[in-house]
Amino acid sequence: MGGYAMAFHVWVLLLFAGWTLAVLTASVGVYRWSHILTGRKQVRDFRADRIEGADWYRRAMRAHANCVENLPIYGAIVVAALAAQAGSPRLDELAAVILAARIAQSLIHIAFTETNAAVAARFTFYTVQLVCFFWMGILVAGAA
C-alpha cells in the first residue's frame, strides 16, 4: 500500500471506535448473550425503551452510549485535521489524553456504583475530554 504514515490522532480515532465496540461486546453483549444462552431471557426481552437488568449492566449501557455520543465529535475533529493537513505533536498528545480519559471514564462508569466520588471521577474524566476536544479544534482551526 502507499507510503502514507497514518497520523497518531487518526490511530486514536480507530482505537476510540475499537473501545466503543469493546465496551459494547464485553459488557452489554456478554450480559445479554449469557442470559439468552442460559435460557433466562429471550432475544426479544432486551427492549431499547426499557432498560432492565443488573445495576452494572445499566451503567454499561450508559457507558457505551457515552462512547457513541462522543466518538462523532472526535471523528469530526480528526476529519477536519486531515482536511486542513494539520498535524503536530500537541494534537497527538491531546488525542492520547482523550483516549485515556475515555477509557477511564467508561471503566469507572461500569465498575463503580453511582456514589458522589464515582460520579465526580467520571465527570472529571469527561471534562478532560471536553477541554481536549476544544483545544484540538482550536489547533486545527489555526492550521486551516
N, C-alpha and C. Protein backbone atom coordinates (compact mmCIF):
# COMPACT_ATOMS: atom_id res chain seq x y z
N MET A 1 0.86 -1.17 0.00
CA MET A 1 0.00 0.00 0.00
C MET A 1 0.90 1.23 0.00
N GLY A 2 0.32 2.39 -0.18
CA GLY A 2 1.04 3.64 -0.35
C GLY A 2 1.99 3.96 0.77
N GLY A 3 2.69 5.07 0.62
CA GLY A 3 3.70 5.46 1.58
C GLY A 3 3.17 6.39 2.66
N TYR A 4 1.87 6.49 2.82
CA TYR A 4 1.30 7.40 3.81
C TYR A 4 1.36 6.77 5.19
N ALA A 5 2.00 7.49 6.11
CA ALA A 5 2.03 7.04 7.51
C ALA A 5 0.87 7.71 8.22
N MET A 6 0.01 6.92 8.79
CA MET A 6 -1.18 7.46 9.43
C MET A 6 -0.79 8.23 10.69
N ALA A 7 -1.34 9.42 10.83
CA ALA A 7 -1.08 10.26 11.99
C ALA A 7 -1.61 9.58 13.25
N PHE A 8 -0.95 9.87 14.37
CA PHE A 8 -1.34 9.25 15.63
C PHE A 8 -2.78 9.58 15.99
N HIS A 9 -3.23 10.83 15.76
CA HIS A 9 -4.60 11.19 16.12
C HIS A 9 -5.61 10.40 15.28
N VAL A 10 -5.22 9.93 14.10
CA VAL A 10 -6.08 9.06 13.31
C VAL A 10 -6.10 7.66 13.92
N TRP A 11 -4.94 7.19 14.37
CA TRP A 11 -4.90 5.90 15.07
C TRP A 11 -5.80 5.94 16.30
N VAL A 12 -5.78 7.06 17.00
CA VAL A 12 -6.63 7.19 18.18
C VAL A 12 -8.10 7.10 17.81
N LEU A 13 -8.46 7.63 16.64
CA LEU A 13 -9.85 7.50 16.18
C LEU A 13 -10.22 6.03 16.04
N LEU A 14 -9.33 5.25 15.46
CA LEU A 14 -9.58 3.81 15.33
C LEU A 14 -9.65 3.14 16.71
N LEU A 15 -8.77 3.54 17.61
CA LEU A 15 -8.78 2.97 18.96
C LEU A 15 -10.04 3.37 19.72
N PHE A 16 -10.48 4.60 19.54
CA PHE A 16 -11.73 5.08 20.18
C PHE A 16 -12.89 4.24 19.68
N ALA A 17 -12.96 4.01 18.37
CA ALA A 17 -14.02 3.17 17.80
C ALA A 17 -13.90 1.74 18.35
N GLY A 18 -12.68 1.25 18.44
CA GLY A 18 -12.46 -0.09 18.99
C GLY A 18 -12.89 -0.19 20.44
N TRP A 19 -12.59 0.87 21.22
CA TRP A 19 -13.02 0.88 22.63
C TRP A 19 -14.54 0.88 22.72
N THR A 20 -15.19 1.64 21.87
CA THR A 20 -16.65 1.69 21.86
C THR A 20 -17.22 0.30 21.61
N LEU A 21 -16.64 -0.41 20.66
CA LEU A 21 -17.09 -1.79 20.37
C LEU A 21 -16.73 -2.74 21.52
N ALA A 22 -15.59 -2.53 22.13
CA ALA A 22 -15.19 -3.39 23.26
C ALA A 22 -16.14 -3.23 24.44
N VAL A 23 -16.51 -1.98 24.74
CA VAL A 23 -17.46 -1.75 25.83
C VAL A 23 -18.78 -2.45 25.52
N LEU A 24 -19.22 -2.34 24.27
CA LEU A 24 -20.48 -2.98 23.88
C LEU A 24 -20.39 -4.50 24.02
N THR A 25 -19.36 -5.09 23.45
CA THR A 25 -19.32 -6.56 23.44
C THR A 25 -18.95 -7.15 24.80
N ALA A 26 -18.00 -6.54 25.50
CA ALA A 26 -17.52 -7.12 26.75
C ALA A 26 -18.45 -6.89 27.93
N SER A 27 -19.37 -5.97 27.80
CA SER A 27 -20.30 -5.73 28.91
C SER A 27 -21.73 -6.03 28.48
N VAL A 28 -22.27 -5.19 27.64
CA VAL A 28 -23.67 -5.35 27.21
C VAL A 28 -23.86 -6.68 26.49
N GLY A 29 -22.98 -6.98 25.55
CA GLY A 29 -23.10 -8.21 24.79
C GLY A 29 -22.97 -9.46 25.64
N VAL A 30 -21.97 -9.48 26.50
CA VAL A 30 -21.78 -10.64 27.38
C VAL A 30 -22.98 -10.82 28.29
N TYR A 31 -23.47 -9.73 28.86
CA TYR A 31 -24.64 -9.82 29.74
C TYR A 31 -25.84 -10.39 29.00
N ARG A 32 -26.12 -9.82 27.84
CA ARG A 32 -27.30 -10.26 27.09
C ARG A 32 -27.17 -11.71 26.64
N TRP A 33 -26.05 -12.03 25.99
CA TRP A 33 -25.91 -13.38 25.46
C TRP A 33 -25.83 -14.43 26.55
N SER A 34 -25.24 -14.09 27.70
CA SER A 34 -25.21 -15.07 28.79
C SER A 34 -26.63 -15.36 29.28
N HIS A 35 -27.47 -14.35 29.29
CA HIS A 35 -28.87 -14.56 29.69
C HIS A 35 -29.67 -15.32 28.62
N ILE A 36 -29.39 -15.02 27.38
CA ILE A 36 -30.10 -15.69 26.28
C ILE A 36 -29.68 -17.16 26.19
N LEU A 37 -28.38 -17.41 26.21
CA LEU A 37 -27.88 -18.77 26.02
C LEU A 37 -28.17 -19.69 27.21
N THR A 38 -28.39 -19.11 28.38
CA THR A 38 -28.74 -19.93 29.55
C THR A 38 -30.25 -20.03 29.76
N GLY A 39 -31.03 -19.45 28.83
CA GLY A 39 -32.48 -19.56 28.88
C GLY A 39 -33.17 -18.63 29.87
N ARG A 40 -32.42 -17.73 30.49
CA ARG A 40 -33.03 -16.80 31.44
C ARG A 40 -33.80 -15.68 30.76
N LYS A 41 -33.45 -15.39 29.52
CA LYS A 41 -34.13 -14.34 28.73
C LYS A 41 -34.19 -14.81 27.29
N GLN A 42 -35.07 -14.15 26.53
CA GLN A 42 -35.12 -14.35 25.09
C GLN A 42 -34.60 -13.08 24.43
N VAL A 43 -34.21 -13.18 23.18
CA VAL A 43 -33.66 -12.03 22.46
C VAL A 43 -34.62 -10.85 22.52
N ARG A 44 -35.89 -11.10 22.39
CA ARG A 44 -36.88 -10.02 22.37
C ARG A 44 -37.04 -9.32 23.72
N ASP A 45 -36.51 -9.90 24.77
CA ASP A 45 -36.67 -9.33 26.11
C ASP A 45 -35.82 -8.07 26.33
N PHE A 46 -34.85 -7.84 25.47
CA PHE A 46 -33.98 -6.67 25.63
C PHE A 46 -34.50 -5.54 24.75
N ARG A 47 -35.41 -4.77 25.31
CA ARG A 47 -36.04 -3.68 24.58
C ARG A 47 -35.26 -2.38 24.79
N ALA A 48 -35.18 -1.58 23.75
CA ALA A 48 -34.46 -0.32 23.83
C ALA A 48 -35.18 0.71 24.69
N ASP A 49 -36.49 0.60 24.80
CA ASP A 49 -37.26 1.60 25.55
C ASP A 49 -37.44 1.24 27.02
N ARG A 50 -36.84 0.13 27.44
CA ARG A 50 -37.00 -0.30 28.83
C ARG A 50 -35.71 -1.02 29.27
N ILE A 51 -34.86 -0.28 29.94
CA ILE A 51 -33.59 -0.85 30.36
C ILE A 51 -33.78 -1.54 31.71
N GLU A 52 -33.56 -2.83 31.72
CA GLU A 52 -33.68 -3.63 32.93
C GLU A 52 -32.39 -4.42 33.10
N GLY A 53 -32.22 -4.98 34.26
CA GLY A 53 -31.07 -5.82 34.49
C GLY A 53 -30.25 -5.34 35.66
N ALA A 54 -29.12 -6.00 35.85
CA ALA A 54 -28.23 -5.67 36.96
C ALA A 54 -27.79 -4.21 36.86
N ASP A 55 -27.47 -3.65 38.01
CA ASP A 55 -27.05 -2.24 38.06
C ASP A 55 -25.84 -1.99 37.18
N TRP A 56 -24.84 -2.88 37.21
CA TRP A 56 -23.65 -2.67 36.39
C TRP A 56 -23.98 -2.73 34.90
N TYR A 57 -24.96 -3.55 34.55
CA TYR A 57 -25.39 -3.66 33.15
C TYR A 57 -26.01 -2.35 32.68
N ARG A 58 -26.84 -1.75 33.52
CA ARG A 58 -27.45 -0.46 33.16
C ARG A 58 -26.37 0.62 33.04
N ARG A 59 -25.39 0.57 33.93
CA ARG A 59 -24.28 1.53 33.83
C ARG A 59 -23.46 1.27 32.56
N ALA A 60 -23.29 0.01 32.20
CA ALA A 60 -22.56 -0.35 30.98
C ALA A 60 -23.29 0.17 29.75
N MET A 61 -24.61 0.10 29.77
CA MET A 61 -25.40 0.64 28.65
C MET A 61 -25.13 2.15 28.50
N ARG A 62 -25.10 2.86 29.62
CA ARG A 62 -24.83 4.30 29.58
C ARG A 62 -23.38 4.58 29.18
N ALA A 63 -22.45 3.76 29.66
CA ALA A 63 -21.05 3.95 29.29
C ALA A 63 -20.87 3.78 27.78
N HIS A 64 -21.55 2.77 27.22
CA HIS A 64 -21.49 2.59 25.77
C HIS A 64 -22.13 3.76 25.04
N ALA A 65 -23.28 4.21 25.53
CA ALA A 65 -23.94 5.37 24.91
C ALA A 65 -23.03 6.60 24.98
N ASN A 66 -22.33 6.79 26.10
CA ASN A 66 -21.40 7.91 26.20
C ASN A 66 -20.32 7.82 25.13
N CYS A 67 -19.79 6.63 24.90
CA CYS A 67 -18.79 6.45 23.84
C CYS A 67 -19.38 6.81 22.48
N VAL A 68 -20.58 6.30 22.22
CA VAL A 68 -21.24 6.57 20.93
C VAL A 68 -21.51 8.06 20.75
N GLU A 69 -21.86 8.75 21.81
CA GLU A 69 -22.15 10.19 21.74
C GLU A 69 -20.90 11.02 21.47
N ASN A 70 -19.76 10.58 21.95
CA ASN A 70 -18.54 11.38 21.82
C ASN A 70 -17.65 10.98 20.66
N LEU A 71 -17.80 9.78 20.16
CA LEU A 71 -16.99 9.34 19.03
C LEU A 71 -17.16 10.24 17.80
N PRO A 72 -18.38 10.65 17.42
CA PRO A 72 -18.51 11.54 16.26
C PRO A 72 -17.85 12.90 16.46
N ILE A 73 -17.83 13.39 17.68
CA ILE A 73 -17.17 14.67 17.94
C ILE A 73 -15.68 14.54 17.66
N TYR A 74 -15.08 13.51 18.23
CA TYR A 74 -13.66 13.30 17.98
C TYR A 74 -13.41 13.03 16.50
N GLY A 75 -14.27 12.22 15.89
CA GLY A 75 -14.14 11.93 14.47
C GLY A 75 -14.19 13.17 13.60
N ALA A 76 -15.08 14.10 13.93
CA ALA A 76 -15.17 15.35 13.16
C ALA A 76 -13.89 16.16 13.29
N ILE A 77 -13.33 16.19 14.47
CA ILE A 77 -12.07 16.92 14.67
C ILE A 77 -10.96 16.29 13.84
N VAL A 78 -10.89 14.97 13.82
CA VAL A 78 -9.86 14.28 13.04
C VAL A 78 -10.06 14.52 11.55
N VAL A 79 -11.30 14.46 11.07
CA VAL A 79 -11.56 14.72 9.66
C VAL A 79 -11.15 16.15 9.30
N ALA A 80 -11.48 17.09 10.17
CA ALA A 80 -11.09 18.48 9.93
C ALA A 80 -9.56 18.61 9.93
N ALA A 81 -8.90 17.92 10.83
CA ALA A 81 -7.43 17.96 10.87
C ALA A 81 -6.83 17.40 9.58
N LEU A 82 -7.41 16.33 9.09
CA LEU A 82 -6.93 15.76 7.83
C LEU A 82 -7.18 16.72 6.67
N ALA A 83 -8.36 17.33 6.63
CA ALA A 83 -8.68 18.27 5.55
C ALA A 83 -7.77 19.50 5.59
N ALA A 84 -7.43 19.95 6.78
CA ALA A 84 -6.56 21.12 6.93
C ALA A 84 -5.08 20.74 6.89
N GLN A 85 -4.82 19.45 6.77
CA GLN A 85 -3.46 18.94 6.82
C GLN A 85 -2.74 19.41 8.08
N ALA A 86 -3.51 19.42 9.16
CA ALA A 86 -2.98 19.84 10.45
C ALA A 86 -2.41 18.63 11.17
N GLY A 87 -1.27 18.79 11.69
CA GLY A 87 -0.65 17.73 12.47
C GLY A 87 0.43 18.34 13.34
N SER A 88 0.49 17.89 14.55
CA SER A 88 1.52 18.40 15.46
C SER A 88 1.65 17.44 16.62
N PRO A 89 2.77 17.48 17.30
CA PRO A 89 2.90 16.65 18.50
C PRO A 89 1.81 16.98 19.53
N ARG A 90 1.42 18.25 19.65
CA ARG A 90 0.39 18.64 20.62
C ARG A 90 -0.95 18.00 20.26
N LEU A 91 -1.28 17.98 18.97
CA LEU A 91 -2.53 17.35 18.53
C LEU A 91 -2.54 15.87 18.92
N ASP A 92 -1.42 15.22 18.73
CA ASP A 92 -1.32 13.80 19.07
C ASP A 92 -1.36 13.58 20.58
N GLU A 93 -0.72 14.46 21.33
CA GLU A 93 -0.76 14.36 22.79
C GLU A 93 -2.20 14.50 23.30
N LEU A 94 -2.91 15.47 22.77
CA LEU A 94 -4.31 15.67 23.17
C LEU A 94 -5.16 14.47 22.81
N ALA A 95 -4.89 13.88 21.64
CA ALA A 95 -5.62 12.67 21.23
C ALA A 95 -5.38 11.54 22.22
N ALA A 96 -4.14 11.37 22.66
CA ALA A 96 -3.82 10.32 23.62
C ALA A 96 -4.53 10.56 24.95
N VAL A 97 -4.58 11.82 25.37
CA VAL A 97 -5.26 12.15 26.63
C VAL A 97 -6.75 11.86 26.50
N ILE A 98 -7.34 12.20 25.36
CA ILE A 98 -8.77 11.92 25.14
C ILE A 98 -9.05 10.43 25.27
N LEU A 99 -8.24 9.62 24.62
CA LEU A 99 -8.47 8.17 24.66
C LEU A 99 -8.31 7.63 26.09
N ALA A 100 -7.27 8.05 26.77
CA ALA A 100 -7.05 7.58 28.14
C ALA A 100 -8.20 8.01 29.05
N ALA A 101 -8.65 9.26 28.91
CA ALA A 101 -9.76 9.75 29.73
C ALA A 101 -11.06 9.04 29.40
N ARG A 102 -11.28 8.73 28.13
CA ARG A 102 -12.48 8.00 27.72
C ARG A 102 -12.49 6.60 28.33
N ILE A 103 -11.35 5.92 28.27
CA ILE A 103 -11.27 4.57 28.83
C ILE A 103 -11.50 4.62 30.34
N ALA A 104 -10.85 5.57 31.01
CA ALA A 104 -11.02 5.70 32.46
C ALA A 104 -12.48 5.99 32.81
N GLN A 105 -13.10 6.90 32.07
CA GLN A 105 -14.50 7.24 32.35
C GLN A 105 -15.38 6.02 32.19
N SER A 106 -15.19 5.27 31.12
CA SER A 106 -16.01 4.08 30.88
C SER A 106 -15.83 3.04 31.98
N LEU A 107 -14.58 2.78 32.34
CA LEU A 107 -14.32 1.77 33.37
C LEU A 107 -14.92 2.16 34.71
N ILE A 108 -14.79 3.42 35.08
CA ILE A 108 -15.39 3.89 36.33
C ILE A 108 -16.91 3.76 36.26
N HIS A 109 -17.48 4.13 35.11
CA HIS A 109 -18.93 4.06 34.94
C HIS A 109 -19.44 2.64 35.15
N ILE A 110 -18.75 1.68 34.58
CA ILE A 110 -19.20 0.29 34.66
C ILE A 110 -18.90 -0.33 36.03
N ALA A 111 -17.72 -0.07 36.54
CA ALA A 111 -17.24 -0.80 37.71
C ALA A 111 -17.75 -0.29 39.06
N PHE A 112 -18.13 0.97 39.14
CA PHE A 112 -18.46 1.54 40.44
C PHE A 112 -19.91 2.01 40.50
N THR A 113 -20.56 1.72 41.61
CA THR A 113 -21.92 2.25 41.81
C THR A 113 -21.85 3.76 41.85
N GLU A 114 -22.98 4.38 41.65
CA GLU A 114 -23.01 5.84 41.49
C GLU A 114 -23.00 6.56 42.84
N THR A 115 -21.82 6.60 43.42
CA THR A 115 -21.60 7.40 44.61
C THR A 115 -21.16 8.80 44.15
N ASN A 116 -21.13 9.74 45.06
CA ASN A 116 -20.65 11.08 44.72
C ASN A 116 -19.22 11.03 44.18
N ALA A 117 -18.38 10.21 44.80
CA ALA A 117 -16.99 10.10 44.37
C ALA A 117 -16.88 9.52 42.96
N ALA A 118 -17.64 8.47 42.68
CA ALA A 118 -17.57 7.83 41.36
C ALA A 118 -18.08 8.77 40.28
N VAL A 119 -19.18 9.45 40.55
CA VAL A 119 -19.74 10.38 39.55
C VAL A 119 -18.78 11.56 39.35
N ALA A 120 -18.18 12.04 40.42
CA ALA A 120 -17.21 13.14 40.30
C ALA A 120 -16.00 12.71 39.48
N ALA A 121 -15.54 11.50 39.69
CA ALA A 121 -14.41 10.99 38.90
C ALA A 121 -14.78 10.87 37.43
N ARG A 122 -15.94 10.32 37.16
CA ARG A 122 -16.42 10.22 35.76
C ARG A 122 -16.50 11.59 35.12
N PHE A 123 -17.09 12.53 35.84
CA PHE A 123 -17.25 13.88 35.30
C PHE A 123 -15.90 14.54 35.08
N THR A 124 -14.95 14.28 35.95
CA THR A 124 -13.61 14.84 35.77
C THR A 124 -12.98 14.33 34.48
N PHE A 125 -13.08 13.03 34.25
CA PHE A 125 -12.52 12.46 33.02
C PHE A 125 -13.26 12.96 31.78
N TYR A 126 -14.56 13.19 31.91
CA TYR A 126 -15.30 13.76 30.78
C TYR A 126 -14.88 15.20 30.53
N THR A 127 -14.68 15.96 31.59
CA THR A 127 -14.24 17.35 31.44
C THR A 127 -12.87 17.42 30.76
N VAL A 128 -11.98 16.51 31.11
CA VAL A 128 -10.68 16.44 30.45
C VAL A 128 -10.87 16.24 28.95
N GLN A 129 -11.78 15.35 28.58
CA GLN A 129 -12.05 15.12 27.16
C GLN A 129 -12.57 16.38 26.48
N LEU A 130 -13.50 17.07 27.14
CA LEU A 130 -14.06 18.29 26.56
C LEU A 130 -12.98 19.34 26.32
N VAL A 131 -12.13 19.53 27.31
CA VAL A 131 -11.04 20.50 27.17
C VAL A 131 -10.16 20.13 25.99
N CYS A 132 -9.83 18.85 25.87
CA CYS A 132 -9.00 18.39 24.76
C CYS A 132 -9.71 18.55 23.41
N PHE A 133 -11.02 18.28 23.37
CA PHE A 133 -11.78 18.49 22.12
C PHE A 133 -11.67 19.95 21.68
N PHE A 134 -11.93 20.85 22.60
CA PHE A 134 -11.85 22.28 22.26
C PHE A 134 -10.44 22.67 21.85
N TRP A 135 -9.46 22.21 22.59
CA TRP A 135 -8.07 22.55 22.30
C TRP A 135 -7.67 22.03 20.92
N MET A 136 -8.03 20.79 20.63
CA MET A 136 -7.73 20.24 19.30
C MET A 136 -8.44 21.03 18.21
N GLY A 137 -9.69 21.39 18.46
CA GLY A 137 -10.43 22.19 17.49
C GLY A 137 -9.75 23.51 17.20
N ILE A 138 -9.26 24.16 18.24
CA ILE A 138 -8.56 25.43 18.08
C ILE A 138 -7.27 25.23 17.28
N LEU A 139 -6.52 24.17 17.58
CA LEU A 139 -5.30 23.89 16.84
C LEU A 139 -5.59 23.63 15.36
N VAL A 140 -6.64 22.86 15.09
CA VAL A 140 -6.99 22.55 13.71
C VAL A 140 -7.44 23.82 12.97
N ALA A 141 -8.29 24.62 13.63
CA ALA A 141 -8.75 25.86 13.01
C ALA A 141 -7.59 26.80 12.73
N GLY A 142 -6.63 26.83 13.63
CA GLY A 142 -5.45 27.67 13.42
C GLY A 142 -4.58 27.22 12.28
N ALA A 143 -4.62 25.93 11.98
CA ALA A 143 -3.80 25.39 10.88
C ALA A 143 -4.50 25.49 9.54
N ALA A 144 -5.80 25.77 9.56
CA ALA A 144 -6.57 25.79 8.32
C ALA A 144 -6.32 27.07 7.52
